[in-house]
Amino acid sequence: MRVQLISPRDAVNLRRHVLRPEATTDDGVVYAEDDEASTATYGCLVDDVLVSVGTIMEADHPLNPAAGDWRIRGMATADGYRSRGCGQSILEALLRHATTRGGRRVWCNARADAVAFYARAGFETQSDMFLTAGDRPHYLMDLHLSDVS
């Protein structure tokens, strides 16, 4: 298993398959911020096959914006590779990326079934459940990078 920077375009198929399986277009899996200089997409490869992806970008926190806010989007791990450390390795790379660029806080809209994953990494829930496209339940979560050991 290895984690490395990848092109955002290389993440699209996995994002679509995992996050929007009903989608027939790239809507919702290609982000306007993908091409920003500070945005980074990481991939986890197992036997040279891309099995997990995640993207981090500078973005104001939706509840109380502050300097040093970063957002995680597009965390996706292929079926059969969950609970094998790929997602955790991606998350660690994303947090390092933000930290080395002066990030102070990272936030995400976590799917309900991913809340425990983020909580294990120290993220805290900041909202009630809300629905996104496709009526998917999500929670706003964040992590102050000063709390990361």
N, C-alpha and C. Protein backbone atom coordinates (compact mmCIF):
# COMPACT_ATOMS: atom_id res chain seq x y z
N MET A 1 0.85 -1.18 0.00
CA MET A 1 0.00 0.00 0.00
C MET A 1 0.89 1.24 0.00
N ARG A 2 0.58 2.17 -0.89
CA ARG A 2 1.30 3.44 -0.87
C ARG A 2 0.33 4.58 -1.14
N VAL A 3 0.59 5.72 -0.51
CA VAL A 3 -0.22 6.92 -0.67
C VAL A 3 0.62 7.95 -1.39
N GLN A 4 0.02 8.58 -2.39
CA GLN A 4 0.75 9.59 -3.17
C GLN A 4 -0.23 10.62 -3.72
N LEU A 5 0.33 11.77 -4.08
CA LEU A 5 -0.46 12.78 -4.78
C LEU A 5 -0.88 12.21 -6.13
N ILE A 6 -2.12 12.48 -6.52
CA ILE A 6 -2.61 12.05 -7.83
C ILE A 6 -3.34 13.22 -8.48
N SER A 7 -3.59 13.10 -9.75
CA SER A 7 -4.40 14.08 -10.47
C SER A 7 -5.85 13.96 -10.00
N PRO A 8 -6.53 15.10 -9.81
CA PRO A 8 -7.95 15.02 -9.46
C PRO A 8 -8.75 14.21 -10.48
N ARG A 9 -8.37 14.28 -11.75
CA ARG A 9 -9.09 13.51 -12.78
C ARG A 9 -8.97 12.00 -12.52
N ASP A 10 -7.85 11.58 -11.93
CA ASP A 10 -7.67 10.16 -11.64
C ASP A 10 -8.59 9.68 -10.51
N ALA A 11 -9.13 10.62 -9.73
CA ALA A 11 -10.00 10.27 -8.61
C ALA A 11 -11.47 10.18 -9.01
N VAL A 12 -11.83 10.72 -10.17
CA VAL A 12 -13.24 10.86 -10.54
C VAL A 12 -13.99 9.54 -10.58
N ASN A 13 -13.44 8.52 -11.22
CA ASN A 13 -14.16 7.25 -11.33
C ASN A 13 -14.44 6.62 -9.98
N LEU A 14 -13.44 6.65 -9.09
CA LEU A 14 -13.65 6.07 -7.76
C LEU A 14 -14.64 6.91 -6.97
N ARG A 15 -14.52 8.24 -7.05
CA ARG A 15 -15.50 9.10 -6.38
C ARG A 15 -16.92 8.76 -6.85
N ARG A 16 -17.10 8.65 -8.16
CA ARG A 16 -18.44 8.38 -8.70
C ARG A 16 -18.94 7.01 -8.24
N HIS A 17 -18.11 6.00 -8.34
CA HIS A 17 -18.51 4.64 -7.98
C HIS A 17 -18.94 4.54 -6.51
N VAL A 18 -18.19 5.19 -5.62
CA VAL A 18 -18.45 5.07 -4.19
C VAL A 18 -19.45 6.10 -3.69
N LEU A 19 -19.29 7.36 -4.12
CA LEU A 19 -20.09 8.44 -3.55
C LEU A 19 -21.38 8.73 -4.29
N ARG A 20 -21.42 8.46 -5.58
CA ARG A 20 -22.60 8.75 -6.38
C ARG A 20 -22.84 7.62 -7.38
N PRO A 21 -23.09 6.41 -6.89
CA PRO A 21 -23.19 5.26 -7.79
C PRO A 21 -24.31 5.37 -8.82
N GLU A 22 -25.31 6.18 -8.54
CA GLU A 22 -26.41 6.35 -9.49
C GLU A 22 -26.10 7.37 -10.59
N ALA A 23 -25.01 8.11 -10.44
CA ALA A 23 -24.69 9.19 -11.37
C ALA A 23 -24.27 8.65 -12.74
N THR A 24 -24.71 9.36 -13.75
CA THR A 24 -24.32 9.02 -15.13
C THR A 24 -23.39 10.08 -15.70
N THR A 25 -23.15 11.14 -14.91
CA THR A 25 -22.23 12.21 -15.33
C THR A 25 -21.25 12.45 -14.19
N ASP A 26 -20.36 13.40 -14.39
CA ASP A 26 -19.38 13.74 -13.36
C ASP A 26 -19.91 14.76 -12.36
N ASP A 27 -21.18 15.16 -12.49
CA ASP A 27 -21.76 16.11 -11.54
C ASP A 27 -21.63 15.57 -10.12
N GLY A 28 -21.11 16.40 -9.23
CA GLY A 28 -20.96 16.00 -7.84
C GLY A 28 -19.69 15.27 -7.52
N VAL A 29 -18.89 14.92 -8.53
CA VAL A 29 -17.63 14.23 -8.26
C VAL A 29 -16.43 14.95 -8.86
N VAL A 30 -16.69 16.00 -9.62
CA VAL A 30 -15.64 16.91 -10.08
C VAL A 30 -15.91 18.23 -9.38
N TYR A 31 -14.92 18.73 -8.67
CA TYR A 31 -15.10 19.93 -7.87
C TYR A 31 -14.43 21.12 -8.55
N ALA A 32 -15.08 22.28 -8.49
CA ALA A 32 -14.51 23.50 -9.07
C ALA A 32 -13.13 23.77 -8.48
N GLU A 33 -12.93 23.41 -7.23
CA GLU A 33 -11.66 23.68 -6.55
C GLU A 33 -10.56 22.68 -6.91
N ASP A 34 -10.88 21.64 -7.66
CA ASP A 34 -9.87 20.63 -8.02
C ASP A 34 -8.64 21.25 -8.68
N ASP A 35 -8.84 22.33 -9.42
CA ASP A 35 -7.73 22.92 -10.16
C ASP A 35 -7.03 24.07 -9.42
N GLU A 36 -7.45 24.36 -8.20
CA GLU A 36 -6.79 25.41 -7.42
C GLU A 36 -5.39 24.94 -7.01
N ALA A 37 -4.46 25.88 -6.95
CA ALA A 37 -3.07 25.54 -6.65
C ALA A 37 -2.91 24.90 -5.27
N SER A 38 -3.72 25.30 -4.30
CA SER A 38 -3.57 24.77 -2.95
C SER A 38 -4.30 23.45 -2.73
N THR A 39 -5.16 23.07 -3.67
CA THR A 39 -5.91 21.82 -3.55
C THR A 39 -5.00 20.63 -3.84
N ALA A 40 -5.20 19.57 -3.07
CA ALA A 40 -4.41 18.35 -3.28
C ALA A 40 -5.32 17.14 -3.21
N THR A 41 -5.09 16.20 -4.12
CA THR A 41 -5.81 14.93 -4.12
C THR A 41 -4.78 13.82 -3.92
N TYR A 42 -5.06 12.97 -2.95
CA TYR A 42 -4.18 11.85 -2.65
C TYR A 42 -4.89 10.55 -2.99
N GLY A 43 -4.10 9.58 -3.41
CA GLY A 43 -4.64 8.26 -3.70
C GLY A 43 -3.85 7.20 -2.96
N CYS A 44 -4.54 6.14 -2.60
CA CYS A 44 -3.91 4.97 -2.00
C CYS A 44 -3.93 3.87 -3.04
N LEU A 45 -2.76 3.35 -3.35
CA LEU A 45 -2.64 2.29 -4.34
C LEU A 45 -2.22 0.99 -3.67
N VAL A 46 -2.89 -0.07 -4.05
CA VAL A 46 -2.55 -1.42 -3.60
C VAL A 46 -2.27 -2.22 -4.86
N ASP A 47 -1.06 -2.74 -4.97
CA ASP A 47 -0.64 -3.46 -6.18
C ASP A 47 -0.90 -2.61 -7.42
N ASP A 48 -0.57 -1.32 -7.32
CA ASP A 48 -0.71 -0.35 -8.41
C ASP A 48 -2.15 -0.10 -8.85
N VAL A 49 -3.12 -0.48 -8.03
CA VAL A 49 -4.53 -0.20 -8.30
C VAL A 49 -5.01 0.87 -7.33
N LEU A 50 -5.62 1.93 -7.86
CA LEU A 50 -6.14 3.01 -7.03
C LEU A 50 -7.38 2.51 -6.29
N VAL A 51 -7.30 2.47 -4.95
CA VAL A 51 -8.40 1.91 -4.16
C VAL A 51 -9.02 2.91 -3.19
N SER A 52 -8.38 4.06 -2.99
CA SER A 52 -8.91 5.04 -2.05
C SER A 52 -8.41 6.42 -2.47
N VAL A 53 -9.27 7.43 -2.31
CA VAL A 53 -8.91 8.80 -2.69
C VAL A 53 -9.46 9.77 -1.66
N GLY A 54 -8.89 10.95 -1.65
CA GLY A 54 -9.38 12.06 -0.82
C GLY A 54 -8.78 13.35 -1.31
N THR A 55 -9.53 14.43 -1.15
CA THR A 55 -9.10 15.74 -1.62
C THR A 55 -9.20 16.73 -0.47
N ILE A 56 -8.24 17.66 -0.41
CA ILE A 56 -8.28 18.73 0.58
C ILE A 56 -8.07 20.05 -0.12
N MET A 57 -8.79 21.07 0.36
CA MET A 57 -8.74 22.39 -0.27
C MET A 57 -8.94 23.47 0.79
N GLU A 58 -8.40 24.64 0.52
CA GLU A 58 -8.66 25.77 1.39
C GLU A 58 -10.12 26.16 1.22
N ALA A 59 -10.85 26.27 2.32
CA ALA A 59 -12.27 26.64 2.25
C ALA A 59 -12.75 27.06 3.64
N ASP A 60 -13.48 28.16 3.68
CA ASP A 60 -14.01 28.65 4.94
C ASP A 60 -14.96 27.64 5.58
N HIS A 61 -14.85 27.53 6.88
CA HIS A 61 -15.79 26.72 7.67
C HIS A 61 -17.18 27.35 7.51
N PRO A 62 -18.22 26.54 7.27
CA PRO A 62 -19.54 27.12 7.01
C PRO A 62 -20.21 27.77 8.23
N LEU A 63 -19.81 27.43 9.44
CA LEU A 63 -20.45 28.01 10.62
C LEU A 63 -19.72 29.21 11.17
N ASN A 64 -18.41 29.14 11.22
CA ASN A 64 -17.62 30.25 11.77
C ASN A 64 -16.27 30.30 11.06
N PRO A 65 -16.25 30.91 9.87
CA PRO A 65 -15.02 30.95 9.08
C PRO A 65 -13.86 31.63 9.82
N ALA A 66 -12.67 31.09 9.60
CA ALA A 66 -11.47 31.66 10.20
C ALA A 66 -10.28 31.38 9.29
N ALA A 67 -9.25 32.18 9.46
CA ALA A 67 -8.03 31.94 8.70
C ALA A 67 -7.52 30.54 9.01
N GLY A 68 -7.03 29.85 8.00
CA GLY A 68 -6.47 28.52 8.20
C GLY A 68 -7.48 27.39 8.09
N ASP A 69 -8.68 27.69 7.56
CA ASP A 69 -9.68 26.64 7.37
C ASP A 69 -9.41 25.86 6.09
N TRP A 70 -9.54 24.54 6.17
CA TRP A 70 -9.39 23.63 5.03
C TRP A 70 -10.56 22.66 5.04
N ARG A 71 -10.92 22.18 3.86
CA ARG A 71 -12.05 21.25 3.72
C ARG A 71 -11.61 19.95 3.06
N ILE A 72 -12.10 18.84 3.59
CA ILE A 72 -11.90 17.53 2.98
C ILE A 72 -13.14 17.21 2.16
N ARG A 73 -12.91 16.73 0.94
CA ARG A 73 -14.01 16.30 0.07
C ARG A 73 -13.60 15.01 -0.63
N GLY A 74 -14.59 14.30 -1.11
CA GLY A 74 -14.34 13.17 -2.00
C GLY A 74 -13.59 12.01 -1.40
N MET A 75 -13.71 11.81 -0.09
CA MET A 75 -13.09 10.62 0.52
C MET A 75 -13.87 9.40 0.04
N ALA A 76 -13.18 8.49 -0.61
CA ALA A 76 -13.85 7.31 -1.15
C ALA A 76 -12.88 6.13 -1.16
N THR A 77 -13.35 5.00 -0.68
CA THR A 77 -12.55 3.77 -0.69
C THR A 77 -13.37 2.67 -1.34
N ALA A 78 -12.75 1.96 -2.25
CA ALA A 78 -13.43 0.90 -2.99
C ALA A 78 -13.89 -0.22 -2.07
N ASP A 79 -15.01 -0.83 -2.44
CA ASP A 79 -15.49 -2.02 -1.73
C ASP A 79 -14.34 -3.04 -1.68
N GLY A 80 -14.23 -3.71 -0.57
CA GLY A 80 -13.20 -4.72 -0.43
C GLY A 80 -11.89 -4.18 0.13
N TYR A 81 -11.77 -2.84 0.22
CA TYR A 81 -10.55 -2.25 0.75
C TYR A 81 -10.82 -1.41 2.00
N ARG A 82 -12.06 -1.39 2.44
CA ARG A 82 -12.39 -0.65 3.66
C ARG A 82 -11.87 -1.41 4.87
N SER A 83 -11.54 -0.67 5.91
CA SER A 83 -11.02 -1.23 7.17
C SER A 83 -9.67 -1.92 6.97
N ARG A 84 -8.93 -1.45 5.97
CA ARG A 84 -7.59 -2.01 5.72
C ARG A 84 -6.51 -0.94 5.84
N GLY A 85 -6.89 0.26 6.29
CA GLY A 85 -5.91 1.31 6.52
C GLY A 85 -5.76 2.32 5.40
N CYS A 86 -6.38 2.08 4.27
CA CYS A 86 -6.23 3.01 3.14
C CYS A 86 -6.85 4.37 3.44
N GLY A 87 -8.08 4.37 3.92
CA GLY A 87 -8.75 5.64 4.23
C GLY A 87 -8.01 6.40 5.31
N GLN A 88 -7.55 5.70 6.33
CA GLN A 88 -6.79 6.33 7.41
C GLN A 88 -5.50 6.94 6.86
N SER A 89 -4.83 6.24 5.99
CA SER A 89 -3.59 6.76 5.40
C SER A 89 -3.86 7.99 4.54
N ILE A 90 -4.95 7.98 3.80
CA ILE A 90 -5.33 9.15 3.00
C ILE A 90 -5.61 10.32 3.94
N LEU A 91 -6.41 10.09 4.98
CA LEU A 91 -6.75 11.16 5.91
C LEU A 91 -5.49 11.76 6.54
N GLU A 92 -4.55 10.93 6.93
CA GLU A 92 -3.30 11.43 7.50
C GLU A 92 -2.55 12.30 6.50
N ALA A 93 -2.52 11.91 5.24
CA ALA A 93 -1.85 12.70 4.20
C ALA A 93 -2.56 14.04 4.01
N LEU A 94 -3.88 14.04 4.03
CA LEU A 94 -4.64 15.28 3.87
C LEU A 94 -4.38 16.23 5.04
N LEU A 95 -4.36 15.71 6.25
CA LEU A 95 -4.11 16.55 7.42
C LEU A 95 -2.69 17.11 7.39
N ARG A 96 -1.72 16.29 6.98
CA ARG A 96 -0.33 16.78 6.85
C ARG A 96 -0.26 17.91 5.83
N HIS A 97 -0.96 17.72 4.71
CA HIS A 97 -0.96 18.73 3.65
C HIS A 97 -1.44 20.07 4.20
N ALA A 98 -2.56 20.06 4.91
CA ALA A 98 -3.10 21.31 5.47
C ALA A 98 -2.17 21.89 6.52
N THR A 99 -1.64 21.04 7.38
CA THR A 99 -0.77 21.50 8.46
C THR A 99 0.48 22.19 7.92
N THR A 100 1.10 21.60 6.92
CA THR A 100 2.34 22.18 6.38
C THR A 100 2.09 23.47 5.61
N ARG A 101 0.83 23.78 5.35
CA ARG A 101 0.48 25.01 4.64
C ARG A 101 -0.24 26.00 5.55
N GLY A 102 -0.03 25.85 6.84
CA GLY A 102 -0.59 26.80 7.81
C GLY A 102 -2.03 26.53 8.21
N GLY A 103 -2.54 25.36 7.88
CA GLY A 103 -3.91 25.04 8.27
C GLY A 103 -4.08 24.97 9.77
N ARG A 104 -5.20 25.48 10.24
CA ARG A 104 -5.51 25.45 11.66
C ARG A 104 -6.68 24.54 11.99
N ARG A 105 -7.58 24.41 11.00
CA ARG A 105 -8.78 23.59 11.22
C ARG A 105 -9.18 22.95 9.90
N VAL A 106 -9.62 21.71 9.99
CA VAL A 106 -10.10 20.98 8.82
C VAL A 106 -11.55 20.59 9.10
N TRP A 107 -12.39 20.73 8.09
CA TRP A 107 -13.79 20.36 8.24
C TRP A 107 -14.24 19.52 7.05
N CYS A 108 -15.36 18.85 7.24
CA CYS A 108 -15.94 18.04 6.17
C CYS A 108 -17.43 17.85 6.42
N ASN A 109 -18.13 17.53 5.37
CA ASN A 109 -19.51 17.06 5.47
C ASN A 109 -19.44 15.55 5.41
N ALA A 110 -19.48 14.92 6.57
CA ALA A 110 -19.28 13.47 6.67
C ALA A 110 -20.59 12.73 6.48
N ARG A 111 -20.55 11.71 5.63
CA ARG A 111 -21.71 10.84 5.51
C ARG A 111 -21.97 10.21 6.88
N ALA A 112 -23.24 9.93 7.13
CA ALA A 112 -23.61 9.35 8.43
C ALA A 112 -22.80 8.08 8.72
N ASP A 113 -22.56 7.27 7.69
CA ASP A 113 -21.82 6.03 7.92
C ASP A 113 -20.31 6.23 8.05
N ALA A 114 -19.84 7.47 7.91
CA ALA A 114 -18.41 7.77 8.07
C ALA A 114 -18.11 8.57 9.33
N VAL A 115 -19.14 8.92 10.10
CA VAL A 115 -18.94 9.74 11.30
C VAL A 115 -17.96 9.06 12.26
N ALA A 116 -18.10 7.77 12.48
CA ALA A 116 -17.20 7.06 13.41
C ALA A 116 -15.76 7.09 12.91
N PHE A 117 -15.56 6.98 11.60
CA PHE A 117 -14.22 7.04 11.02
C PHE A 117 -13.56 8.37 11.37
N TYR A 118 -14.27 9.47 11.15
CA TYR A 118 -13.70 10.79 11.45
C TYR A 118 -13.56 11.01 12.95
N ALA A 119 -14.51 10.52 13.74
CA ALA A 119 -14.43 10.68 15.19
C ALA A 119 -13.18 9.99 15.74
N ARG A 120 -12.83 8.83 15.20
CA ARG A 120 -11.61 8.13 15.65
C ARG A 120 -10.36 8.97 15.40
N ALA A 121 -10.42 9.84 14.40
CA ALA A 121 -9.28 10.70 14.08
C ALA A 121 -9.32 12.01 14.86
N GLY A 122 -10.34 12.19 15.71
CA GLY A 122 -10.42 13.38 16.54
C GLY A 122 -11.41 14.43 16.06
N PHE A 123 -12.07 14.20 14.94
CA PHE A 123 -13.07 15.15 14.46
C PHE A 123 -14.26 15.16 15.42
N GLU A 124 -14.90 16.33 15.53
CA GLU A 124 -16.09 16.47 16.35
C GLU A 124 -17.26 16.89 15.49
N THR A 125 -18.44 16.37 15.82
CA THR A 125 -19.66 16.71 15.08
C THR A 125 -20.10 18.11 15.47
N GLN A 126 -20.41 18.94 14.45
CA GLN A 126 -20.77 20.33 14.68
C GLN A 126 -22.19 20.67 14.22
N SER A 127 -22.94 19.67 13.76
CA SER A 127 -24.29 19.96 13.27
C SER A 127 -25.22 18.79 13.54
N ASP A 128 -26.49 19.07 13.40
CA ASP A 128 -27.47 18.00 13.34
C ASP A 128 -27.34 17.36 11.96
N MET A 129 -27.99 16.24 11.77
CA MET A 129 -27.98 15.58 10.47
C MET A 129 -28.66 16.48 9.44
N PHE A 130 -28.10 16.50 8.23
CA PHE A 130 -28.72 17.22 7.12
C PHE A 130 -28.60 16.34 5.88
N LEU A 131 -29.43 16.62 4.89
CA LEU A 131 -29.43 15.83 3.66
C LEU A 131 -28.73 16.59 2.55
N THR A 132 -27.95 15.86 1.77
CA THR A 132 -27.31 16.44 0.59
C THR A 132 -27.97 15.84 -0.65
N ALA A 133 -27.37 16.08 -1.79
CA ALA A 133 -27.91 15.54 -3.05
C ALA A 133 -28.19 14.05 -2.91
N GLY A 134 -29.30 13.63 -3.42
CA GLY A 134 -29.66 12.23 -3.34
C GLY A 134 -30.20 11.83 -1.98
N ASP A 135 -30.56 12.83 -1.16
CA ASP A 135 -31.10 12.58 0.18
C ASP A 135 -30.17 11.74 1.04
N ARG A 136 -28.88 12.03 0.95
CA ARG A 136 -27.89 11.31 1.75
C ARG A 136 -27.67 12.04 3.08
N PRO A 137 -27.79 11.35 4.21
CA PRO A 137 -27.58 12.01 5.51
C PRO A 137 -26.10 12.29 5.77
N HIS A 138 -25.83 13.51 6.20
CA HIS A 138 -24.48 13.98 6.49
C HIS A 138 -24.47 14.76 7.80
N TYR A 139 -23.25 14.94 8.32
CA TYR A 139 -23.01 15.76 9.50
C TYR A 139 -21.79 16.63 9.23
N LEU A 140 -21.84 17.88 9.65
CA LEU A 140 -20.66 18.74 9.59
C LEU A 140 -19.75 18.33 10.74
N MET A 141 -18.49 18.06 10.42
CA MET A 141 -17.50 17.69 11.43
C MET A 141 -16.26 18.53 11.23
N ASP A 142 -15.52 18.76 12.32
CA ASP A 142 -14.26 19.48 12.17
C ASP A 142 -13.23 19.01 13.17
N LEU A 143 -12.00 19.40 12.88
CA LEU A 143 -10.84 19.02 13.69
C LEU A 143 -9.90 20.21 13.76
N HIS A 144 -9.55 20.62 14.97
CA HIS A 144 -8.53 21.66 15.14
C HIS A 144 -7.18 20.97 15.04
N LEU A 145 -6.36 21.42 14.11
CA LEU A 145 -5.10 20.73 13.85
C LEU A 145 -4.14 20.80 15.03
N SER A 146 -4.33 21.76 15.92
CA SER A 146 -3.50 21.80 17.13
C SER A 146 -3.79 20.62 18.05
N ASP A 147 -4.94 19.95 17.84
CA ASP A 147 -5.31 18.79 18.65
C ASP A 147 -4.74 17.49 18.11
N VAL A 148 -4.12 17.54 16.92
CA VAL A 148 -3.57 16.34 16.29
C VAL A 148 -2.18 16.10 16.83
N SER A 149 -1.93 14.89 17.30
CA SER A 149 -0.59 14.58 17.84
C SER A 149 0.32 14.07 16.76
